[in-house]
Amino acid sequence: AVRTPARTGEAETARALRMSPLDSFAGFVYQVDLASRAVLPLVVITQPLAVAIAPDGRTAYVTNGAGSLIAVDVPSGSIQTVASGLSGPYGIEVDPSGRTAYVTESGRGILTAVDLHTGATRTVASNLAGIHGLTLSDEGTQAYVTLFNSADLMRVDLTSGQVTPITLSLFYTPLQ
């Protein structure tokens, strides 16, 4: 995930966060200064899957294989579980307001909204078997999700939950 530029004190820097598995159970989340190319371990999280950076650049949100959404304070590296009980959370994006994260739950085939202040979850859209990747429109009103099993691209209206196919099986044909 990349958020640029990010304000840190008086300096304006470009930063990225990257994950790398240590083994099958834990992985580093690294902070990368894009100007100096310095790579520093930020935190170790159990089974990290995906990362998104809040609009303010100070908080990163990581999904993990244990079914949690974890907030990482980027300046300090401290962590806090925001939500748990997610099933196969992979894709994650934070809306432009920084109040809601959207998470793909491949285990349930749903797109979930997580209130980042309370941890409350709600299903935005369902019947999305193999849901995997996720990005939001610039306005944060639409989500675009990929379905791993079919390589379909779907648009999800985040207010109504309406799902609209964009492309069907463009890149992948499942074996019969």
N, C-alpha and C. Protein backbone atom coordinates (compact mmCIF):
# COMPACT_ATOMS: atom_id res chain seq x y z
N ALA A 1 0.85 -1.17 0.00
CA ALA A 1 0.00 0.00 0.00
C ALA A 1 0.89 1.23 0.00
N VAL A 2 0.49 2.24 -0.72
CA VAL A 2 1.28 3.47 -0.78
C VAL A 2 0.35 4.64 -0.51
N ARG A 3 0.79 5.53 0.34
CA ARG A 3 0.07 6.78 0.57
C ARG A 3 1.12 7.86 0.43
N THR A 4 0.95 8.75 -0.51
CA THR A 4 1.95 9.78 -0.72
C THR A 4 1.27 11.08 -1.12
N PRO A 5 1.71 12.21 -0.67
CA PRO A 5 2.70 12.36 0.38
C PRO A 5 2.06 12.18 1.76
N ALA A 6 2.88 11.85 2.74
CA ALA A 6 2.42 11.71 4.12
C ALA A 6 3.13 12.75 4.96
N ARG A 7 2.40 13.44 5.80
CA ARG A 7 3.01 14.46 6.65
C ARG A 7 3.54 13.81 7.93
N THR A 8 4.78 14.08 8.23
CA THR A 8 5.37 13.64 9.49
C THR A 8 6.10 14.85 10.05
N GLY A 9 5.49 15.49 11.05
CA GLY A 9 6.07 16.72 11.58
C GLY A 9 6.08 17.79 10.52
N GLU A 10 7.21 18.41 10.31
CA GLU A 10 7.34 19.46 9.30
C GLU A 10 7.69 18.90 7.93
N ALA A 11 8.24 17.70 7.90
CA ALA A 11 8.70 17.14 6.63
C ALA A 11 7.57 16.44 5.90
N GLU A 12 7.61 16.51 4.60
CA GLU A 12 6.65 15.79 3.78
C GLU A 12 7.42 14.67 3.08
N THR A 13 6.99 13.43 3.32
CA THR A 13 7.72 12.30 2.76
C THR A 13 6.76 11.36 2.08
N ALA A 14 7.26 10.60 1.15
CA ALA A 14 6.48 9.55 0.51
C ALA A 14 6.81 8.25 1.25
N ARG A 15 5.77 7.51 1.65
CA ARG A 15 5.97 6.27 2.37
C ARG A 15 5.16 5.17 1.75
N ALA A 16 5.63 3.98 1.94
CA ALA A 16 4.89 2.79 1.53
C ALA A 16 4.99 1.78 2.66
N LEU A 17 4.01 0.90 2.73
CA LEU A 17 4.08 -0.22 3.66
C LEU A 17 4.08 -1.49 2.83
N ARG A 18 4.86 -2.45 3.27
CA ARG A 18 4.99 -3.70 2.53
C ARG A 18 5.00 -4.83 3.54
N MET A 19 4.50 -5.99 3.14
CA MET A 19 4.51 -7.15 4.01
C MET A 19 5.39 -8.23 3.41
N SER A 20 6.00 -9.01 4.30
CA SER A 20 6.84 -10.11 3.85
C SER A 20 6.70 -11.23 4.87
N PRO A 21 6.40 -12.44 4.42
CA PRO A 21 6.25 -13.54 5.38
C PRO A 21 7.58 -13.97 5.97
N LEU A 22 7.57 -14.18 7.30
CA LEU A 22 8.73 -14.77 7.97
C LEU A 22 8.66 -16.28 7.86
N ASP A 23 7.48 -16.79 8.10
CA ASP A 23 7.20 -18.21 7.97
C ASP A 23 5.69 -18.30 7.75
N SER A 24 5.10 -19.45 7.93
CA SER A 24 3.68 -19.57 7.64
C SER A 24 2.78 -18.91 8.70
N PHE A 25 3.35 -18.43 9.79
CA PHE A 25 2.52 -17.89 10.86
C PHE A 25 2.71 -16.41 11.14
N ALA A 26 3.82 -15.83 10.75
CA ALA A 26 4.05 -14.43 11.08
C ALA A 26 4.72 -13.74 9.90
N GLY A 27 4.63 -12.44 9.87
CA GLY A 27 5.27 -11.67 8.81
C GLY A 27 5.53 -10.26 9.26
N PHE A 28 6.54 -9.66 8.69
CA PHE A 28 6.85 -8.27 8.98
C PHE A 28 5.95 -7.36 8.15
N VAL A 29 5.59 -6.24 8.72
CA VAL A 29 5.07 -5.11 7.98
C VAL A 29 6.22 -4.10 8.00
N TYR A 30 6.69 -3.73 6.82
CA TYR A 30 7.82 -2.82 6.69
C TYR A 30 7.34 -1.43 6.34
N GLN A 31 8.06 -0.43 6.82
CA GLN A 31 7.84 0.95 6.38
C GLN A 31 8.97 1.28 5.42
N VAL A 32 8.61 1.83 4.26
CA VAL A 32 9.59 2.14 3.22
C VAL A 32 9.55 3.64 2.96
N ASP A 33 10.67 4.31 3.13
CA ASP A 33 10.79 5.71 2.75
C ASP A 33 11.17 5.73 1.28
N LEU A 34 10.26 6.18 0.43
CA LEU A 34 10.48 6.10 -1.01
C LEU A 34 11.57 7.04 -1.50
N ALA A 35 11.84 8.11 -0.77
CA ALA A 35 12.89 9.04 -1.19
C ALA A 35 14.28 8.45 -0.93
N SER A 36 14.49 7.92 0.29
CA SER A 36 15.82 7.40 0.64
C SER A 36 15.95 5.91 0.34
N ARG A 37 14.82 5.25 0.06
CA ARG A 37 14.76 3.81 -0.17
C ARG A 37 15.09 2.99 1.08
N ALA A 38 15.02 3.63 2.24
CA ALA A 38 15.25 2.92 3.50
C ALA A 38 14.06 2.02 3.80
N VAL A 39 14.34 0.79 4.19
CA VAL A 39 13.31 -0.18 4.54
C VAL A 39 13.52 -0.58 5.99
N LEU A 40 12.51 -0.32 6.81
CA LEU A 40 12.61 -0.61 8.24
C LEU A 40 11.44 -1.47 8.68
N PRO A 41 11.72 -2.54 9.44
CA PRO A 41 10.60 -3.33 9.98
C PRO A 41 9.77 -2.45 10.91
N LEU A 42 8.47 -2.48 10.74
CA LEU A 42 7.58 -1.69 11.58
C LEU A 42 6.99 -2.55 12.69
N VAL A 43 6.48 -3.73 12.32
CA VAL A 43 5.81 -4.58 13.30
C VAL A 43 5.71 -5.99 12.72
N VAL A 44 5.61 -6.98 13.59
CA VAL A 44 5.36 -8.36 13.18
C VAL A 44 3.91 -8.68 13.52
N ILE A 45 3.17 -9.22 12.54
CA ILE A 45 1.75 -9.56 12.72
C ILE A 45 1.54 -11.00 12.28
N THR A 46 0.76 -11.74 13.05
CA THR A 46 0.45 -13.12 12.71
C THR A 46 -0.28 -13.20 11.38
N GLN A 47 0.22 -13.98 10.46
CA GLN A 47 -0.38 -14.27 9.16
C GLN A 47 -0.94 -13.03 8.45
N PRO A 48 -0.12 -12.01 8.18
CA PRO A 48 -0.64 -10.82 7.49
C PRO A 48 -1.03 -11.16 6.06
N LEU A 49 -2.15 -10.59 5.62
CA LEU A 49 -2.63 -10.85 4.26
C LEU A 49 -2.63 -9.61 3.38
N ALA A 50 -3.12 -8.50 3.89
CA ALA A 50 -3.21 -7.28 3.09
C ALA A 50 -3.08 -6.07 4.01
N VAL A 51 -2.70 -4.94 3.42
CA VAL A 51 -2.52 -3.71 4.19
C VAL A 51 -3.10 -2.54 3.43
N ALA A 52 -3.68 -1.60 4.17
CA ALA A 52 -4.17 -0.33 3.61
C ALA A 52 -3.78 0.78 4.57
N ILE A 53 -3.53 1.95 4.02
CA ILE A 53 -3.13 3.10 4.83
C ILE A 53 -4.28 4.09 4.89
N ALA A 54 -4.56 4.58 6.10
CA ALA A 54 -5.62 5.58 6.28
C ALA A 54 -5.23 6.86 5.56
N PRO A 55 -6.22 7.69 5.21
CA PRO A 55 -5.93 8.93 4.49
C PRO A 55 -4.93 9.85 5.20
N ASP A 56 -4.89 9.82 6.53
CA ASP A 56 -3.96 10.69 7.25
C ASP A 56 -2.52 10.16 7.24
N GLY A 57 -2.33 8.92 6.78
CA GLY A 57 -1.00 8.35 6.69
C GLY A 57 -0.42 7.87 8.01
N ARG A 58 -1.14 8.05 9.10
CA ARG A 58 -0.62 7.69 10.42
C ARG A 58 -1.02 6.28 10.86
N THR A 59 -2.06 5.74 10.26
CA THR A 59 -2.55 4.42 10.67
C THR A 59 -2.61 3.51 9.46
N ALA A 60 -2.10 2.30 9.64
CA ALA A 60 -2.22 1.26 8.62
C ALA A 60 -3.16 0.21 9.18
N TYR A 61 -3.92 -0.41 8.30
CA TYR A 61 -4.83 -1.48 8.70
C TYR A 61 -4.42 -2.74 7.98
N VAL A 62 -4.27 -3.82 8.75
CA VAL A 62 -3.77 -5.08 8.22
C VAL A 62 -4.81 -6.16 8.48
N THR A 63 -5.15 -6.94 7.45
CA THR A 63 -5.98 -8.14 7.65
C THR A 63 -5.04 -9.31 7.85
N ASN A 64 -5.51 -10.30 8.62
CA ASN A 64 -4.65 -11.46 8.83
C ASN A 64 -5.44 -12.76 8.76
N GLY A 65 -4.70 -13.86 8.65
CA GLY A 65 -5.30 -15.18 8.50
C GLY A 65 -6.05 -15.66 9.72
N ALA A 66 -5.88 -14.99 10.84
CA ALA A 66 -6.62 -15.33 12.04
C ALA A 66 -8.02 -14.70 12.03
N GLY A 67 -8.35 -13.94 10.98
CA GLY A 67 -9.67 -13.34 10.86
C GLY A 67 -9.82 -12.00 11.55
N SER A 68 -8.72 -11.27 11.65
CA SER A 68 -8.75 -9.98 12.35
C SER A 68 -8.40 -8.83 11.42
N LEU A 69 -8.86 -7.66 11.81
CA LEU A 69 -8.45 -6.40 11.21
C LEU A 69 -7.68 -5.68 12.30
N ILE A 70 -6.42 -5.36 12.03
CA ILE A 70 -5.52 -4.80 13.03
C ILE A 70 -5.10 -3.41 12.61
N ALA A 71 -5.19 -2.46 13.55
CA ALA A 71 -4.70 -1.09 13.32
C ALA A 71 -3.26 -1.01 13.79
N VAL A 72 -2.41 -0.42 12.95
CA VAL A 72 -1.00 -0.21 13.29
C VAL A 72 -0.76 1.29 13.30
N ASP A 73 -0.34 1.82 14.45
CA ASP A 73 0.07 3.22 14.52
C ASP A 73 1.44 3.31 13.87
N VAL A 74 1.52 3.94 12.70
CA VAL A 74 2.77 3.94 11.92
C VAL A 74 3.91 4.61 12.67
N PRO A 75 3.72 5.78 13.30
CA PRO A 75 4.86 6.38 13.99
C PRO A 75 5.43 5.53 15.13
N SER A 76 4.58 4.85 15.90
CA SER A 76 5.06 4.11 17.06
C SER A 76 5.19 2.61 16.84
N GLY A 77 4.44 2.06 15.87
CA GLY A 77 4.43 0.62 15.65
C GLY A 77 3.50 -0.13 16.59
N SER A 78 2.75 0.57 17.41
CA SER A 78 1.82 -0.11 18.32
C SER A 78 0.63 -0.65 17.51
N ILE A 79 0.07 -1.76 17.99
CA ILE A 79 -1.03 -2.40 17.28
C ILE A 79 -2.24 -2.56 18.18
N GLN A 80 -3.42 -2.61 17.55
CA GLN A 80 -4.68 -2.81 18.26
C GLN A 80 -5.63 -3.54 17.32
N THR A 81 -6.30 -4.57 17.83
CA THR A 81 -7.29 -5.28 17.03
C THR A 81 -8.55 -4.43 16.95
N VAL A 82 -8.99 -4.16 15.73
CA VAL A 82 -10.20 -3.36 15.49
C VAL A 82 -11.42 -4.27 15.40
N ALA A 83 -11.28 -5.39 14.68
CA ALA A 83 -12.40 -6.33 14.50
C ALA A 83 -11.82 -7.73 14.41
N SER A 84 -12.61 -8.70 14.85
CA SER A 84 -12.21 -10.10 14.74
C SER A 84 -13.42 -10.90 14.27
N GLY A 85 -13.20 -12.18 14.01
CA GLY A 85 -14.30 -13.02 13.55
C GLY A 85 -14.57 -12.91 12.06
N LEU A 86 -13.65 -12.28 11.32
CA LEU A 86 -13.79 -12.19 9.87
C LEU A 86 -13.36 -13.53 9.28
N SER A 87 -13.93 -13.90 8.15
CA SER A 87 -13.66 -15.21 7.55
C SER A 87 -12.90 -15.04 6.23
N GLY A 88 -11.61 -15.34 6.28
CA GLY A 88 -10.79 -15.20 5.08
C GLY A 88 -10.68 -13.77 4.62
N PRO A 89 -10.36 -12.82 5.54
CA PRO A 89 -10.25 -11.42 5.12
C PRO A 89 -9.01 -11.23 4.27
N TYR A 90 -9.18 -10.67 3.11
CA TYR A 90 -8.00 -10.45 2.28
C TYR A 90 -7.91 -9.00 1.83
N GLY A 91 -8.69 -8.62 0.83
CA GLY A 91 -8.61 -7.25 0.33
C GLY A 91 -9.09 -6.26 1.37
N ILE A 92 -8.45 -5.12 1.43
CA ILE A 92 -8.86 -4.07 2.37
C ILE A 92 -8.58 -2.71 1.75
N GLU A 93 -9.51 -1.79 1.97
CA GLU A 93 -9.35 -0.39 1.60
C GLU A 93 -10.02 0.46 2.67
N VAL A 94 -9.48 1.64 2.91
CA VAL A 94 -10.07 2.60 3.85
C VAL A 94 -10.72 3.70 3.04
N ASP A 95 -11.95 4.07 3.43
CA ASP A 95 -12.66 5.11 2.67
C ASP A 95 -11.98 6.47 2.86
N PRO A 96 -12.28 7.45 2.00
CA PRO A 96 -11.62 8.75 2.06
C PRO A 96 -11.79 9.48 3.39
N SER A 97 -12.86 9.20 4.13
CA SER A 97 -13.07 9.86 5.43
C SER A 97 -12.19 9.25 6.52
N GLY A 98 -11.68 8.04 6.30
CA GLY A 98 -10.89 7.36 7.32
C GLY A 98 -11.71 6.73 8.41
N ARG A 99 -13.04 6.70 8.26
CA ARG A 99 -13.92 6.14 9.30
C ARG A 99 -14.30 4.69 9.06
N THR A 100 -14.25 4.24 7.80
CA THR A 100 -14.71 2.89 7.46
C THR A 100 -13.67 2.17 6.63
N ALA A 101 -13.46 0.90 6.98
CA ALA A 101 -12.63 0.03 6.14
C ALA A 101 -13.56 -0.97 5.47
N TYR A 102 -13.26 -1.30 4.24
CA TYR A 102 -14.01 -2.32 3.51
C TYR A 102 -13.07 -3.52 3.35
N VAL A 103 -13.59 -4.69 3.69
CA VAL A 103 -12.79 -5.91 3.72
C VAL A 103 -13.51 -6.99 2.91
N THR A 104 -12.76 -7.68 2.05
CA THR A 104 -13.33 -8.83 1.35
C THR A 104 -13.17 -10.04 2.26
N GLU A 105 -14.27 -10.75 2.49
CA GLU A 105 -14.24 -11.97 3.29
C GLU A 105 -14.47 -13.15 2.36
N SER A 106 -13.37 -13.77 1.92
CA SER A 106 -13.49 -14.86 0.96
C SER A 106 -14.16 -16.08 1.56
N GLY A 107 -14.04 -16.29 2.85
CA GLY A 107 -14.66 -17.44 3.50
C GLY A 107 -16.17 -17.40 3.48
N ARG A 108 -16.74 -16.20 3.45
CA ARG A 108 -18.20 -16.03 3.43
C ARG A 108 -18.70 -15.52 2.08
N GLY A 109 -17.79 -15.09 1.21
CA GLY A 109 -18.20 -14.53 -0.07
C GLY A 109 -18.93 -13.21 0.07
N ILE A 110 -18.41 -12.35 0.99
CA ILE A 110 -19.08 -11.07 1.23
C ILE A 110 -18.08 -9.92 1.25
N LEU A 111 -18.60 -8.72 1.03
CA LEU A 111 -17.86 -7.48 1.24
C LEU A 111 -18.39 -6.89 2.54
N THR A 112 -17.49 -6.63 3.48
CA THR A 112 -17.86 -6.17 4.81
C THR A 112 -17.36 -4.76 5.05
N ALA A 113 -18.18 -3.93 5.68
CA ALA A 113 -17.77 -2.60 6.13
C ALA A 113 -17.45 -2.70 7.62
N VAL A 114 -16.33 -2.13 8.03
CA VAL A 114 -15.93 -2.12 9.43
C VAL A 114 -15.81 -0.68 9.89
N ASP A 115 -16.57 -0.32 10.94
CA ASP A 115 -16.46 1.00 11.54
C ASP A 115 -15.13 1.01 12.31
N LEU A 116 -14.20 1.87 11.91
CA LEU A 116 -12.86 1.85 12.49
C LEU A 116 -12.81 2.41 13.90
N HIS A 117 -13.88 3.07 14.36
CA HIS A 117 -13.91 3.59 15.73
C HIS A 117 -14.52 2.59 16.69
N THR A 118 -15.53 1.83 16.24
CA THR A 118 -16.23 0.91 17.15
C THR A 118 -15.93 -0.56 16.88
N GLY A 119 -15.44 -0.87 15.68
CA GLY A 119 -15.21 -2.27 15.30
C GLY A 119 -16.46 -2.97 14.81
N ALA A 120 -17.59 -2.27 14.78
CA ALA A 120 -18.84 -2.87 14.31
C ALA A 120 -18.72 -3.21 12.83
N THR A 121 -19.29 -4.36 12.44
CA THR A 121 -19.24 -4.79 11.05
C THR A 121 -20.66 -4.87 10.48
N ARG A 122 -20.75 -4.69 9.16
CA ARG A 122 -22.02 -4.91 8.47
C ARG A 122 -21.70 -5.43 7.07
N THR A 123 -22.56 -6.30 6.59
CA THR A 123 -22.40 -6.85 5.26
C THR A 123 -22.89 -5.83 4.24
N VAL A 124 -22.04 -5.50 3.28
CA VAL A 124 -22.39 -4.56 2.21
C VAL A 124 -22.98 -5.32 1.03
N ALA A 125 -22.35 -6.43 0.67
CA ALA A 125 -22.80 -7.24 -0.47
C ALA A 125 -22.44 -8.70 -0.19
N SER A 126 -23.28 -9.60 -0.70
CA SER A 126 -23.06 -11.03 -0.47
C SER A 126 -23.14 -11.78 -1.80
N ASN A 127 -23.06 -13.10 -1.73
CA ASN A 127 -23.08 -13.97 -2.92
C ASN A 127 -21.94 -13.65 -3.87
N LEU A 128 -20.77 -13.40 -3.30
CA LEU A 128 -19.58 -13.08 -4.08
C LEU A 128 -18.53 -14.18 -3.87
N ALA A 129 -18.84 -15.37 -4.31
CA ALA A 129 -17.95 -16.52 -4.12
C ALA A 129 -16.56 -16.23 -4.68
N GLY A 130 -15.53 -16.45 -3.86
CA GLY A 130 -14.16 -16.23 -4.30
C GLY A 130 -13.73 -14.77 -4.26
N ILE A 131 -14.48 -13.91 -3.55
CA ILE A 131 -14.10 -12.50 -3.47
C ILE A 131 -12.68 -12.39 -2.93
N HIS A 132 -11.90 -11.49 -3.54
CA HIS A 132 -10.48 -11.44 -3.20
C HIS A 132 -9.96 -10.00 -3.16
N GLY A 133 -9.67 -9.44 -4.32
CA GLY A 133 -9.08 -8.11 -4.41
C GLY A 133 -10.13 -7.02 -4.28
N LEU A 134 -9.66 -5.81 -3.94
CA LEU A 134 -10.58 -4.70 -3.68
C LEU A 134 -9.88 -3.37 -3.92
N THR A 135 -10.61 -2.44 -4.52
CA THR A 135 -10.19 -1.04 -4.56
C THR A 135 -11.46 -0.20 -4.49
N LEU A 136 -11.33 1.05 -4.06
CA LEU A 136 -12.47 1.96 -3.97
C LEU A 136 -12.35 3.05 -5.02
N SER A 137 -13.51 3.57 -5.43
CA SER A 137 -13.51 4.75 -6.30
C SER A 137 -12.93 5.92 -5.50
N ASP A 138 -12.48 6.95 -6.20
CA ASP A 138 -11.88 8.11 -5.53
C ASP A 138 -12.84 8.73 -4.52
N GLU A 139 -14.13 8.71 -4.82
CA GLU A 139 -15.12 9.31 -3.94
C GLU A 139 -15.47 8.39 -2.77
N GLY A 140 -15.11 7.11 -2.87
CA GLY A 140 -15.43 6.15 -1.83
C GLY A 140 -16.87 5.68 -1.85
N THR A 141 -17.54 5.81 -2.99
CA THR A 141 -18.94 5.40 -3.09
C THR A 141 -19.12 4.05 -3.77
N GLN A 142 -18.09 3.61 -4.48
CA GLN A 142 -18.13 2.34 -5.21
C GLN A 142 -16.90 1.51 -4.82
N ALA A 143 -17.09 0.21 -4.75
CA ALA A 143 -15.96 -0.71 -4.59
C ALA A 143 -15.87 -1.54 -5.86
N TYR A 144 -14.67 -1.88 -6.23
CA TYR A 144 -14.42 -2.79 -7.34
C TYR A 144 -13.73 -4.01 -6.75
N VAL A 145 -14.35 -5.18 -6.91
CA VAL A 145 -13.81 -6.40 -6.32
C VAL A 145 -13.56 -7.44 -7.39
N THR A 146 -12.54 -8.26 -7.15
CA THR A 146 -12.25 -9.36 -8.05
C THR A 146 -12.70 -10.65 -7.38
N LEU A 147 -13.13 -11.58 -8.22
CA LEU A 147 -13.53 -12.90 -7.75
C LEU A 147 -12.46 -13.88 -8.21
N PHE A 148 -11.75 -14.44 -7.26
CA PHE A 148 -10.60 -15.30 -7.53
C PHE A 148 -10.96 -16.52 -8.38
N ASN A 149 -12.07 -17.14 -8.10
CA ASN A 149 -12.43 -18.37 -8.80
C ASN A 149 -12.75 -18.16 -10.28
N SER A 150 -13.18 -16.97 -10.65
CA SER A 150 -13.60 -16.74 -12.03
C SER A 150 -12.87 -15.59 -12.71
N ALA A 151 -12.11 -14.81 -11.96
CA ALA A 151 -11.43 -13.61 -12.46
C ALA A 151 -12.41 -12.54 -12.91
N ASP A 152 -13.64 -12.60 -12.39
CA ASP A 152 -14.61 -11.56 -12.71
C ASP A 152 -14.30 -10.29 -11.92
N LEU A 153 -14.66 -9.16 -12.50
CA LEU A 153 -14.56 -7.87 -11.84
C LEU A 153 -15.98 -7.37 -11.61
N MET A 154 -16.27 -6.99 -10.38
CA MET A 154 -17.61 -6.54 -10.01
C MET A 154 -17.54 -5.15 -9.39
N ARG A 155 -18.54 -4.32 -9.71
CA ARG A 155 -18.68 -3.02 -9.06
C ARG A 155 -19.76 -3.17 -7.99
N VAL A 156 -19.47 -2.66 -6.79
CA VAL A 156 -20.43 -2.72 -5.68
C VAL A 156 -20.73 -1.30 -5.25
N ASP A 157 -22.02 -0.93 -5.29
CA ASP A 157 -22.45 0.35 -4.76
C ASP A 157 -22.42 0.23 -3.24
N LEU A 158 -21.63 1.05 -2.56
CA LEU A 158 -21.44 0.90 -1.12
C LEU A 158 -22.63 1.37 -0.30
N THR A 159 -23.55 2.10 -0.90
CA THR A 159 -24.76 2.51 -0.20
C THR A 159 -25.86 1.47 -0.33
N SER A 160 -26.13 1.03 -1.54
CA SER A 160 -27.23 0.10 -1.78
C SER A 160 -26.81 -1.37 -1.72
N GLY A 161 -25.52 -1.63 -1.92
CA GLY A 161 -25.04 -3.02 -1.97
C GLY A 161 -25.26 -3.68 -3.32
N GLN A 162 -25.75 -2.94 -4.29
CA GLN A 162 -25.99 -3.50 -5.63
C GLN A 162 -24.67 -3.89 -6.28
N VAL A 163 -24.64 -5.11 -6.83
CA VAL A 163 -23.45 -5.65 -7.47
C VAL A 163 -23.69 -5.69 -8.98
N THR A 164 -22.73 -5.13 -9.73
CA THR A 164 -22.83 -5.09 -11.19
C THR A 164 -21.56 -5.69 -11.79
N PRO A 165 -21.69 -6.71 -12.65
CA PRO A 165 -20.50 -7.25 -13.32
C PRO A 165 -19.89 -6.23 -14.27
N ILE A 166 -18.57 -6.13 -14.26
CA ILE A 166 -17.86 -5.23 -15.18
C ILE A 166 -17.29 -6.05 -16.34
N THR A 167 -16.58 -7.12 -16.03
CA THR A 167 -16.07 -8.02 -17.05
C THR A 167 -16.33 -9.44 -16.55
N LEU A 168 -16.48 -10.35 -17.46
CA LEU A 168 -16.74 -11.73 -17.06
C LEU A 168 -15.67 -12.65 -17.63
N SER A 169 -14.95 -13.30 -16.73
CA SER A 169 -13.96 -14.32 -17.10
C SER A 169 -13.00 -13.84 -18.19
N LEU A 170 -12.52 -12.64 -18.04
CA LEU A 170 -11.63 -12.05 -19.04
C LEU A 170 -10.26 -12.72 -19.08
N PHE A 171 -9.72 -13.06 -17.89
CA PHE A 171 -8.34 -13.53 -17.82
C PHE A 171 -8.21 -15.02 -17.50
N TYR A 172 -9.28 -15.66 -17.09
CA TYR A 172 -9.13 -16.99 -16.52
C TYR A 172 -10.36 -17.82 -16.84
N THR A 173 -10.15 -19.04 -17.26
CA THR A 173 -11.25 -19.97 -17.47
C THR A 173 -11.03 -21.15 -16.54
N PRO A 174 -11.95 -21.36 -15.57
CA PRO A 174 -11.76 -22.47 -14.63
C PRO A 174 -11.79 -23.82 -15.36
N LEU A 175 -11.03 -24.76 -14.82
CA LEU A 175 -11.04 -26.12 -15.38
C LEU A 175 -12.38 -26.77 -15.08
N GLN A 176 -12.92 -27.48 -16.03
CA GLN A 176 -14.21 -28.16 -15.85
C GLN A 176 -14.01 -29.59 -15.46
